[in-house]
Amino acid sequence: MTQVKSQITLQEFLALPDGDITYELVDGQLKPKMAPKRFHSRLIGTIYTLVTPWAQNRGEVGIEWAVTSKRKGRDWVPVPDLLYVSYSRFKSDVIEDEACSIPPDLVIKIISFDQSFGEMSAKATDYLNAGVMRVWVVDPKSKTVTIFYPDAPPQTKSDVDSLEDSLLEGLQITPQQIFQQAGIP
């Protein structure tokens, strides 16, 4: 009889072959990441196309790029919808095809229709505790973007509020742009 291992190490996780399912490592367990649905996918693509021109020569934008980190003292490998990591933190000449080994400057999470804002807030806190500088939680139902900071209360932006930030100097986009370009009703 085959025994199923109940815990997996970071090294075992990173050595897993690519497959049809994307997993996150949480508390030593493989957690499947749900495949994005239509509006979720549109939002990922739209935000990527809005942020990438700004990021050119500043850093790298990744779609579902895993991050090796720690959560509550344990290995953690989340897979954010999008991330941005500046070249001051992650050198542009790195050529390994690996999980991001440093905390990104920005993580972007889009709330799926089966998730709650509370769940995403808790995950945002985990990211901040792991050294991420900003977390955007994008809510397609309310058409808002809530920005989480390591040293200040979260701010919720809507309509034509700017998402500009001293960390992301010069990035000028609004929730309205995001949701309109994504065609979210």
N, C-alpha and C. Protein backbone atom coordinates (compact mmCIF):
# COMPACT_ATOMS: atom_id res chain seq x y z
N MET A 1 0.83 -1.17 0.00
CA MET A 1 0.00 0.00 0.00
C MET A 1 0.89 1.25 0.00
N THR A 2 0.55 2.24 -0.81
CA THR A 2 1.31 3.47 -0.90
C THR A 2 0.91 4.40 0.22
N GLN A 3 1.93 4.99 0.87
CA GLN A 3 1.65 5.94 1.93
C GLN A 3 1.75 7.34 1.37
N VAL A 4 0.80 8.18 1.72
CA VAL A 4 0.81 9.57 1.29
C VAL A 4 1.49 10.39 2.37
N LYS A 5 2.48 11.17 1.98
CA LYS A 5 3.19 12.02 2.92
C LYS A 5 2.30 13.21 3.27
N SER A 6 2.14 13.47 4.56
CA SER A 6 1.23 14.53 4.97
C SER A 6 1.89 15.90 4.95
N GLN A 7 3.19 15.97 5.04
CA GLN A 7 3.92 17.24 5.02
C GLN A 7 4.92 17.22 3.87
N ILE A 8 5.17 18.39 3.30
CA ILE A 8 6.14 18.50 2.22
C ILE A 8 7.09 19.64 2.58
N THR A 9 8.36 19.45 2.28
CA THR A 9 9.35 20.49 2.57
C THR A 9 9.41 21.49 1.42
N LEU A 10 10.05 22.61 1.69
CA LEU A 10 10.22 23.62 0.64
C LEU A 10 11.00 23.03 -0.53
N GLN A 11 12.05 22.29 -0.25
CA GLN A 11 12.86 21.70 -1.32
C GLN A 11 12.05 20.72 -2.15
N GLU A 12 11.22 19.91 -1.50
CA GLU A 12 10.36 18.97 -2.23
C GLU A 12 9.34 19.73 -3.08
N PHE A 13 8.80 20.80 -2.51
CA PHE A 13 7.83 21.61 -3.25
C PHE A 13 8.46 22.20 -4.51
N LEU A 14 9.63 22.80 -4.34
CA LEU A 14 10.29 23.45 -5.48
C LEU A 14 10.75 22.46 -6.53
N ALA A 15 10.91 21.19 -6.15
CA ALA A 15 11.34 20.16 -7.10
C ALA A 15 10.17 19.49 -7.82
N LEU A 16 8.93 19.84 -7.45
CA LEU A 16 7.78 19.24 -8.12
C LEU A 16 7.79 19.57 -9.61
N PRO A 17 7.40 18.64 -10.45
CA PRO A 17 7.34 18.93 -11.89
C PRO A 17 6.18 19.87 -12.19
N ASP A 18 6.30 20.60 -13.30
CA ASP A 18 5.20 21.44 -13.75
C ASP A 18 4.01 20.55 -14.07
N GLY A 19 2.84 21.05 -13.83
CA GLY A 19 1.64 20.26 -14.12
C GLY A 19 0.49 21.16 -14.50
N ASP A 20 -0.67 20.57 -14.58
CA ASP A 20 -1.86 21.31 -14.96
C ASP A 20 -2.44 22.13 -13.82
N ILE A 21 -2.04 21.83 -12.59
CA ILE A 21 -2.56 22.52 -11.42
C ILE A 21 -1.45 23.32 -10.78
N THR A 22 -1.74 24.58 -10.43
CA THR A 22 -0.80 25.42 -9.71
C THR A 22 -1.06 25.22 -8.22
N TYR A 23 0.03 24.98 -7.49
CA TYR A 23 -0.08 24.79 -6.04
C TYR A 23 0.64 25.89 -5.30
N GLU A 24 0.17 26.15 -4.08
CA GLU A 24 0.87 26.98 -3.12
C GLU A 24 1.30 26.06 -1.98
N LEU A 25 2.39 26.42 -1.32
CA LEU A 25 2.83 25.68 -0.13
C LEU A 25 2.41 26.49 1.08
N VAL A 26 1.53 25.91 1.91
CA VAL A 26 1.02 26.58 3.10
C VAL A 26 1.06 25.59 4.26
N ASP A 27 1.82 25.93 5.29
CA ASP A 27 1.92 25.08 6.49
C ASP A 27 2.31 23.64 6.14
N GLY A 28 3.24 23.48 5.20
CA GLY A 28 3.72 22.16 4.83
C GLY A 28 2.78 21.36 3.94
N GLN A 29 1.70 21.98 3.50
CA GLN A 29 0.70 21.30 2.69
C GLN A 29 0.62 21.92 1.30
N LEU A 30 0.33 21.08 0.31
CA LEU A 30 0.06 21.58 -1.03
C LEU A 30 -1.38 22.08 -1.08
N LYS A 31 -1.56 23.32 -1.50
CA LYS A 31 -2.89 23.90 -1.62
C LYS A 31 -3.09 24.28 -3.08
N PRO A 32 -4.05 23.64 -3.77
CA PRO A 32 -4.28 24.00 -5.17
C PRO A 32 -4.82 25.41 -5.29
N LYS A 33 -4.30 26.14 -6.26
CA LYS A 33 -4.80 27.48 -6.54
C LYS A 33 -5.87 27.34 -7.61
N MET A 34 -7.01 27.94 -7.37
CA MET A 34 -8.12 27.84 -8.30
C MET A 34 -7.76 28.54 -9.61
N ALA A 35 -8.16 27.94 -10.70
CA ALA A 35 -7.93 28.54 -12.02
C ALA A 35 -8.80 29.79 -12.15
N PRO A 36 -8.21 30.88 -12.64
CA PRO A 36 -9.00 32.11 -12.78
C PRO A 36 -10.15 31.93 -13.77
N LYS A 37 -11.26 32.56 -13.43
CA LYS A 37 -12.41 32.57 -14.33
C LYS A 37 -12.33 33.81 -15.22
N ARG A 38 -13.34 34.03 -16.03
CA ARG A 38 -13.32 35.06 -17.07
C ARG A 38 -12.95 36.46 -16.57
N PHE A 39 -13.70 37.00 -15.60
CA PHE A 39 -13.44 38.37 -15.16
C PHE A 39 -12.12 38.46 -14.40
N HIS A 40 -11.81 37.45 -13.63
CA HIS A 40 -10.54 37.39 -12.91
C HIS A 40 -9.39 37.45 -13.91
N SER A 41 -9.49 36.65 -14.95
CA SER A 41 -8.46 36.61 -15.99
C SER A 41 -8.35 37.96 -16.70
N ARG A 42 -9.48 38.57 -17.00
CA ARG A 42 -9.46 39.89 -17.64
C ARG A 42 -8.75 40.92 -16.77
N LEU A 43 -9.02 40.87 -15.47
CA LEU A 43 -8.38 41.82 -14.56
C LEU A 43 -6.88 41.60 -14.50
N ILE A 44 -6.44 40.36 -14.44
CA ILE A 44 -5.01 40.07 -14.44
C ILE A 44 -4.36 40.66 -15.70
N GLY A 45 -4.95 40.39 -16.86
CA GLY A 45 -4.39 40.89 -18.12
C GLY A 45 -4.38 42.40 -18.18
N THR A 46 -5.45 43.03 -17.74
CA THR A 46 -5.54 44.49 -17.78
C THR A 46 -4.50 45.14 -16.86
N ILE A 47 -4.42 44.66 -15.63
CA ILE A 47 -3.45 45.25 -14.70
C ILE A 47 -2.03 45.03 -15.21
N TYR A 48 -1.77 43.86 -15.75
CA TYR A 48 -0.44 43.58 -16.32
C TYR A 48 -0.11 44.60 -17.42
N THR A 49 -1.06 44.84 -18.32
CA THR A 49 -0.78 45.76 -19.44
C THR A 49 -0.68 47.21 -18.97
N LEU A 50 -1.32 47.56 -17.86
CA LEU A 50 -1.21 48.92 -17.33
C LEU A 50 0.09 49.13 -16.55
N VAL A 51 0.54 48.12 -15.83
CA VAL A 51 1.72 48.26 -14.97
C VAL A 51 3.03 48.01 -15.73
N THR A 52 3.02 47.12 -16.70
CA THR A 52 4.27 46.73 -17.38
C THR A 52 5.00 47.89 -18.05
N PRO A 53 4.34 48.78 -18.80
CA PRO A 53 5.09 49.90 -19.39
C PRO A 53 5.77 50.78 -18.33
N TRP A 54 5.09 51.01 -17.22
CA TRP A 54 5.68 51.78 -16.13
C TRP A 54 6.90 51.06 -15.54
N ALA A 55 6.81 49.75 -15.43
CA ALA A 55 7.88 48.97 -14.78
C ALA A 55 9.13 48.80 -15.64
N GLN A 56 9.02 49.07 -16.93
CA GLN A 56 10.18 48.91 -17.82
C GLN A 56 11.36 49.71 -17.28
N ASN A 57 12.50 49.07 -17.16
CA ASN A 57 13.74 49.63 -16.62
C ASN A 57 13.69 49.90 -15.11
N ARG A 58 12.58 49.55 -14.46
CA ARG A 58 12.46 49.72 -13.01
C ARG A 58 12.45 48.38 -12.28
N GLY A 59 11.82 47.39 -12.94
CA GLY A 59 11.66 46.11 -12.28
C GLY A 59 10.89 45.15 -13.16
N GLU A 60 10.47 44.07 -12.56
CA GLU A 60 9.80 43.00 -13.31
C GLU A 60 8.40 42.77 -12.78
N VAL A 61 7.46 42.61 -13.71
CA VAL A 61 6.08 42.29 -13.36
C VAL A 61 5.88 40.82 -13.69
N GLY A 62 5.32 40.07 -12.77
CA GLY A 62 5.10 38.64 -12.99
C GLY A 62 3.65 38.26 -12.79
N ILE A 63 3.18 37.37 -13.63
CA ILE A 63 1.84 36.80 -13.51
C ILE A 63 1.97 35.43 -12.87
N GLU A 64 1.28 35.23 -11.75
CA GLU A 64 1.31 33.94 -11.03
C GLU A 64 2.73 33.41 -10.88
N TRP A 65 3.64 34.28 -10.44
CA TRP A 65 5.03 33.93 -10.16
C TRP A 65 5.13 33.59 -8.67
N ALA A 66 5.44 32.37 -8.36
CA ALA A 66 5.54 31.92 -6.97
C ALA A 66 6.63 32.70 -6.23
N VAL A 67 6.43 32.86 -4.93
CA VAL A 67 7.36 33.57 -4.06
C VAL A 67 7.73 32.65 -2.91
N THR A 68 9.03 32.44 -2.68
CA THR A 68 9.44 31.66 -1.51
C THR A 68 9.56 32.61 -0.33
N SER A 69 8.94 32.24 0.79
CA SER A 69 8.86 33.14 1.92
C SER A 69 8.64 32.35 3.20
N LYS A 70 8.32 33.06 4.25
CA LYS A 70 7.96 32.45 5.54
C LYS A 70 6.63 33.02 5.98
N ARG A 71 5.82 32.17 6.59
CA ARG A 71 4.53 32.57 7.16
C ARG A 71 4.42 31.90 8.52
N LYS A 72 4.34 32.71 9.56
CA LYS A 72 4.26 32.18 10.92
C LYS A 72 5.40 31.21 11.20
N GLY A 73 6.60 31.56 10.71
CA GLY A 73 7.80 30.77 10.96
C GLY A 73 7.97 29.54 10.10
N ARG A 74 7.05 29.30 9.18
CA ARG A 74 7.12 28.10 8.33
C ARG A 74 7.31 28.51 6.87
N ASP A 75 7.90 27.60 6.09
CA ASP A 75 8.05 27.86 4.66
C ASP A 75 6.69 28.11 4.05
N TRP A 76 6.66 29.09 3.17
CA TRP A 76 5.41 29.50 2.52
C TRP A 76 5.73 29.85 1.09
N VAL A 77 4.98 29.31 0.15
CA VAL A 77 5.16 29.64 -1.26
C VAL A 77 3.80 30.03 -1.84
N PRO A 78 3.44 31.31 -1.67
CA PRO A 78 2.20 31.77 -2.28
C PRO A 78 2.41 32.06 -3.76
N VAL A 79 1.32 32.10 -4.49
CA VAL A 79 1.35 32.42 -5.92
C VAL A 79 0.37 33.58 -6.14
N PRO A 80 0.88 34.82 -6.03
CA PRO A 80 -0.02 35.96 -6.23
C PRO A 80 -0.48 36.05 -7.68
N ASP A 81 -1.62 36.71 -7.88
CA ASP A 81 -2.11 36.90 -9.24
C ASP A 81 -1.08 37.67 -10.06
N LEU A 82 -0.54 38.73 -9.48
CA LEU A 82 0.51 39.54 -10.10
C LEU A 82 1.46 40.00 -9.01
N LEU A 83 2.68 40.28 -9.41
CA LEU A 83 3.62 40.90 -8.49
C LEU A 83 4.53 41.82 -9.28
N TYR A 84 5.12 42.76 -8.56
CA TYR A 84 6.15 43.63 -9.11
C TYR A 84 7.31 43.59 -8.14
N VAL A 85 8.50 43.39 -8.68
CA VAL A 85 9.72 43.41 -7.87
C VAL A 85 10.71 44.34 -8.57
N SER A 86 11.20 45.33 -7.82
CA SER A 86 12.11 46.32 -8.40
C SER A 86 13.50 45.72 -8.60
N TYR A 87 14.20 46.30 -9.56
CA TYR A 87 15.57 45.84 -9.81
C TYR A 87 16.51 46.22 -8.66
N SER A 88 16.10 47.10 -7.78
CA SER A 88 16.94 47.39 -6.61
C SER A 88 16.87 46.23 -5.61
N ARG A 89 15.81 45.42 -5.69
CA ARG A 89 15.67 44.26 -4.80
C ARG A 89 15.99 42.95 -5.52
N PHE A 90 15.75 42.92 -6.80
CA PHE A 90 15.93 41.70 -7.59
C PHE A 90 16.67 42.11 -8.86
N LYS A 91 17.92 41.73 -8.96
CA LYS A 91 18.78 42.19 -10.04
C LYS A 91 18.25 41.74 -11.41
N SER A 92 18.35 42.62 -12.38
CA SER A 92 17.82 42.36 -13.72
C SER A 92 18.59 41.29 -14.47
N ASP A 93 19.81 40.97 -14.02
CA ASP A 93 20.61 39.97 -14.74
C ASP A 93 20.42 38.55 -14.21
N VAL A 94 19.49 38.35 -13.28
CA VAL A 94 19.20 37.01 -12.77
C VAL A 94 18.56 36.21 -13.90
N ILE A 95 19.10 35.01 -14.16
CA ILE A 95 18.58 34.23 -15.29
C ILE A 95 17.93 32.91 -14.88
N GLU A 96 17.89 32.62 -13.59
CA GLU A 96 17.27 31.38 -13.15
C GLU A 96 15.77 31.42 -13.36
N ASP A 97 15.21 30.28 -13.73
CA ASP A 97 13.76 30.14 -13.89
C ASP A 97 13.23 29.51 -12.62
N GLU A 98 13.12 30.33 -11.57
CA GLU A 98 12.77 29.84 -10.24
C GLU A 98 11.67 30.71 -9.64
N ALA A 99 11.19 30.27 -8.50
CA ALA A 99 10.29 31.11 -7.71
C ALA A 99 11.05 32.36 -7.29
N CYS A 100 10.34 33.46 -7.11
CA CYS A 100 10.96 34.71 -6.66
C CYS A 100 11.47 34.48 -5.24
N SER A 101 12.74 34.75 -5.03
CA SER A 101 13.37 34.41 -3.76
C SER A 101 13.41 35.56 -2.76
N ILE A 102 12.87 36.71 -3.14
CA ILE A 102 12.84 37.86 -2.23
C ILE A 102 11.41 38.41 -2.18
N PRO A 103 11.07 39.12 -1.11
CA PRO A 103 9.73 39.68 -1.05
C PRO A 103 9.54 40.74 -2.14
N PRO A 104 8.49 40.63 -2.92
CA PRO A 104 8.23 41.64 -3.95
C PRO A 104 7.91 43.00 -3.33
N ASP A 105 8.06 44.04 -4.13
CA ASP A 105 7.64 45.37 -3.70
C ASP A 105 6.12 45.42 -3.62
N LEU A 106 5.45 44.79 -4.60
CA LEU A 106 4.00 44.84 -4.70
C LEU A 106 3.46 43.46 -5.05
N VAL A 107 2.42 43.07 -4.34
CA VAL A 107 1.65 41.86 -4.65
C VAL A 107 0.23 42.31 -4.94
N ILE A 108 -0.36 41.76 -6.00
CA ILE A 108 -1.73 42.08 -6.36
C ILE A 108 -2.57 40.80 -6.31
N LYS A 109 -3.62 40.85 -5.50
CA LYS A 109 -4.56 39.74 -5.36
C LYS A 109 -5.93 40.21 -5.82
N ILE A 110 -6.57 39.40 -6.64
CA ILE A 110 -7.91 39.69 -7.12
C ILE A 110 -8.88 38.76 -6.41
N ILE A 111 -9.90 39.33 -5.80
CA ILE A 111 -10.87 38.52 -5.07
C ILE A 111 -11.72 37.75 -6.08
N SER A 112 -11.71 36.44 -5.97
CA SER A 112 -12.59 35.60 -6.78
C SER A 112 -13.98 35.64 -6.15
N PHE A 113 -14.98 35.27 -6.93
CA PHE A 113 -16.34 35.36 -6.44
C PHE A 113 -16.63 34.39 -5.29
N ASP A 114 -15.78 33.39 -5.09
CA ASP A 114 -15.97 32.47 -3.97
C ASP A 114 -15.09 32.82 -2.77
N GLN A 115 -14.42 33.97 -2.82
CA GLN A 115 -13.57 34.42 -1.72
C GLN A 115 -14.17 35.66 -1.07
N SER A 116 -13.77 35.90 0.16
CA SER A 116 -14.27 37.09 0.85
C SER A 116 -13.15 38.12 0.98
N PHE A 117 -13.55 39.37 1.21
CA PHE A 117 -12.57 40.42 1.45
C PHE A 117 -11.76 40.09 2.71
N GLY A 118 -12.43 39.52 3.71
CA GLY A 118 -11.74 39.15 4.95
C GLY A 118 -10.61 38.15 4.70
N GLU A 119 -10.87 37.15 3.87
CA GLU A 119 -9.82 36.17 3.52
C GLU A 119 -8.64 36.86 2.86
N MET A 120 -8.93 37.77 1.93
CA MET A 120 -7.86 38.47 1.22
C MET A 120 -7.12 39.44 2.13
N SER A 121 -7.82 40.04 3.09
CA SER A 121 -7.17 40.92 4.07
C SER A 121 -6.17 40.14 4.91
N ALA A 122 -6.58 38.95 5.33
CA ALA A 122 -5.68 38.10 6.12
C ALA A 122 -4.45 37.72 5.30
N LYS A 123 -4.66 37.39 4.02
CA LYS A 123 -3.53 37.04 3.16
C LYS A 123 -2.64 38.26 2.94
N ALA A 124 -3.24 39.44 2.80
CA ALA A 124 -2.45 40.66 2.64
C ALA A 124 -1.56 40.87 3.86
N THR A 125 -2.09 40.62 5.05
CA THR A 125 -1.30 40.74 6.27
C THR A 125 -0.15 39.74 6.27
N ASP A 126 -0.39 38.51 5.81
CA ASP A 126 0.68 37.52 5.71
C ASP A 126 1.78 38.01 4.77
N TYR A 127 1.39 38.59 3.63
CA TYR A 127 2.38 39.12 2.69
C TYR A 127 3.20 40.24 3.33
N LEU A 128 2.53 41.17 4.00
CA LEU A 128 3.24 42.28 4.65
C LEU A 128 4.20 41.76 5.71
N ASN A 129 3.75 40.79 6.51
CA ASN A 129 4.61 40.21 7.54
C ASN A 129 5.82 39.49 6.94
N ALA A 130 5.70 39.08 5.69
CA ALA A 130 6.80 38.39 5.00
C ALA A 130 7.74 39.37 4.29
N GLY A 131 7.48 40.68 4.41
CA GLY A 131 8.38 41.67 3.84
C GLY A 131 7.93 42.33 2.56
N VAL A 132 6.73 42.00 2.06
CA VAL A 132 6.19 42.67 0.88
C VAL A 132 5.86 44.11 1.31
N MET A 133 6.15 45.07 0.43
CA MET A 133 5.98 46.48 0.78
C MET A 133 4.55 47.00 0.58
N ARG A 134 3.86 46.47 -0.43
CA ARG A 134 2.48 46.88 -0.70
C ARG A 134 1.69 45.66 -1.19
N VAL A 135 0.43 45.63 -0.83
CA VAL A 135 -0.48 44.60 -1.35
C VAL A 135 -1.73 45.33 -1.82
N TRP A 136 -2.10 45.05 -3.08
CA TRP A 136 -3.37 45.55 -3.60
C TRP A 136 -4.35 44.39 -3.60
N VAL A 137 -5.52 44.61 -3.01
CA VAL A 137 -6.61 43.64 -3.09
C VAL A 137 -7.67 44.27 -3.99
N VAL A 138 -7.86 43.64 -5.14
CA VAL A 138 -8.77 44.14 -6.16
C VAL A 138 -10.11 43.42 -5.99
N ASP A 139 -11.16 44.20 -5.81
CA ASP A 139 -12.49 43.64 -5.57
C ASP A 139 -13.41 43.94 -6.76
N PRO A 140 -13.66 42.94 -7.62
CA PRO A 140 -14.50 43.19 -8.79
C PRO A 140 -15.96 43.50 -8.46
N LYS A 141 -16.45 43.03 -7.31
CA LYS A 141 -17.85 43.31 -6.95
C LYS A 141 -18.04 44.79 -6.63
N SER A 142 -17.16 45.35 -5.82
CA SER A 142 -17.29 46.76 -5.43
C SER A 142 -16.50 47.70 -6.33
N LYS A 143 -15.74 47.12 -7.26
CA LYS A 143 -14.88 47.89 -8.17
C LYS A 143 -13.95 48.83 -7.41
N THR A 144 -13.27 48.23 -6.42
CA THR A 144 -12.33 48.98 -5.60
C THR A 144 -10.98 48.26 -5.58
N VAL A 145 -9.97 49.02 -5.19
CA VAL A 145 -8.64 48.47 -4.91
C VAL A 145 -8.27 48.94 -3.52
N THR A 146 -8.04 48.00 -2.63
CA THR A 146 -7.61 48.34 -1.27
C THR A 146 -6.10 48.12 -1.20
N ILE A 147 -5.40 49.15 -0.76
CA ILE A 147 -3.94 49.11 -0.66
C ILE A 147 -3.57 48.87 0.80
N PHE A 148 -2.80 47.82 1.02
CA PHE A 148 -2.31 47.48 2.36
C PHE A 148 -0.85 47.90 2.47
N TYR A 149 -0.52 48.54 3.60
CA TYR A 149 0.82 49.06 3.87
C TYR A 149 1.38 48.37 5.11
N PRO A 150 2.71 48.27 5.22
CA PRO A 150 3.27 47.65 6.43
C PRO A 150 3.19 48.57 7.65
N ASP A 151 3.05 49.89 7.42
CA ASP A 151 3.15 50.83 8.53
C ASP A 151 1.99 51.82 8.61
N ALA A 152 0.87 51.50 7.95
CA ALA A 152 -0.28 52.40 7.96
C ALA A 152 -1.54 51.58 7.71
N PRO A 153 -2.70 52.14 8.07
CA PRO A 153 -3.94 51.42 7.81
C PRO A 153 -4.19 51.29 6.30
N PRO A 154 -4.94 50.27 5.89
CA PRO A 154 -5.26 50.12 4.47
C PRO A 154 -6.10 51.29 3.97
N GLN A 155 -5.98 51.55 2.67
CA GLN A 155 -6.79 52.59 2.03
C GLN A 155 -7.53 51.96 0.86
N THR A 156 -8.82 52.22 0.78
CA THR A 156 -9.61 51.71 -0.33
C THR A 156 -9.82 52.83 -1.34
N LYS A 157 -9.49 52.50 -2.60
CA LYS A 157 -9.59 53.46 -3.70
C LYS A 157 -10.69 53.00 -4.65
N SER A 158 -11.41 53.97 -5.21
CA SER A 158 -12.46 53.65 -6.18
C SER A 158 -12.50 54.74 -7.24
N ASP A 159 -13.25 54.47 -8.29
CA ASP A 159 -13.49 55.42 -9.36
C ASP A 159 -12.18 56.01 -9.89
N VAL A 160 -12.03 57.33 -9.77
CA VAL A 160 -10.85 58.00 -10.34
C VAL A 160 -9.77 58.28 -9.31
N ASP A 161 -9.86 57.64 -8.12
CA ASP A 161 -8.78 57.77 -7.13
C ASP A 161 -7.50 57.21 -7.73
N SER A 162 -6.42 57.92 -7.54
CA SER A 162 -5.13 57.46 -8.07
C SER A 162 -4.55 56.36 -7.19
N LEU A 163 -3.94 55.38 -7.83
CA LEU A 163 -3.24 54.32 -7.09
C LEU A 163 -1.76 54.66 -6.94
N GLU A 164 -1.39 55.90 -7.31
CA GLU A 164 0.01 56.33 -7.20
C GLU A 164 0.46 56.25 -5.75
N ASP A 165 1.74 55.98 -5.58
CA ASP A 165 2.28 55.68 -4.27
C ASP A 165 3.77 56.01 -4.32
N SER A 166 4.33 56.47 -3.22
CA SER A 166 5.77 56.80 -3.21
C SER A 166 6.63 55.60 -3.57
N LEU A 167 6.18 54.41 -3.24
CA LEU A 167 6.92 53.19 -3.59
C LEU A 167 6.86 52.93 -5.09
N LEU A 168 5.78 53.34 -5.72
CA LEU A 168 5.56 53.09 -7.14
C LEU A 168 5.49 54.43 -7.88
N GLU A 169 6.47 55.26 -7.61
CA GLU A 169 6.48 56.63 -8.12
C GLU A 169 6.30 56.68 -9.64
N GLY A 170 5.34 57.49 -10.05
CA GLY A 170 5.08 57.68 -11.47
C GLY A 170 4.03 56.75 -12.04
N LEU A 171 3.62 55.73 -11.30
CA LEU A 171 2.57 54.84 -11.77
C LEU A 171 1.24 55.54 -11.56
N GLN A 172 0.57 55.88 -12.65
CA GLN A 172 -0.66 56.64 -12.55
C GLN A 172 -1.80 55.87 -13.22
N ILE A 173 -2.48 55.08 -12.39
CA ILE A 173 -3.66 54.37 -12.86
C ILE A 173 -4.74 54.50 -11.79
N THR A 174 -5.97 54.25 -12.19
CA THR A 174 -7.10 54.36 -11.27
C THR A 174 -7.92 53.06 -11.32
N PRO A 175 -8.70 52.80 -10.27
CA PRO A 175 -9.60 51.65 -10.34
C PRO A 175 -10.54 51.74 -11.55
N GLN A 176 -11.02 52.93 -11.84
CA GLN A 176 -11.92 53.09 -12.98
C GLN A 176 -11.26 52.61 -14.28
N GLN A 177 -10.00 52.98 -14.50
CA GLN A 177 -9.27 52.51 -15.69
C GLN A 177 -9.21 50.99 -15.72
N ILE A 178 -8.87 50.41 -14.60
CA ILE A 178 -8.71 48.95 -14.52
C ILE A 178 -10.02 48.26 -14.90
N PHE A 179 -11.10 48.64 -14.23
CA PHE A 179 -12.37 47.94 -14.43
C PHE A 179 -12.98 48.23 -15.80
N GLN A 180 -12.81 49.46 -16.31
CA GLN A 180 -13.33 49.77 -17.64
C GLN A 180 -12.56 48.99 -18.70
N GLN A 181 -11.21 49.02 -18.64
CA GLN A 181 -10.43 48.30 -19.66
C GLN A 181 -10.66 46.81 -19.60
N ALA A 182 -10.94 46.28 -18.41
CA ALA A 182 -11.20 44.84 -18.28
C ALA A 182 -12.63 44.49 -18.69
N GLY A 183 -13.46 45.49 -18.90
CA GLY A 183 -14.85 45.24 -19.30
C GLY A 183 -15.66 44.58 -18.21
N ILE A 184 -15.39 44.96 -16.97
CA ILE A 184 -16.11 44.38 -15.82
C ILE A 184 -17.40 45.18 -15.61
N PRO A 185 -18.55 44.52 -15.72
CA PRO A 185 -19.83 45.25 -15.59
C PRO A 185 -20.09 45.71 -14.16
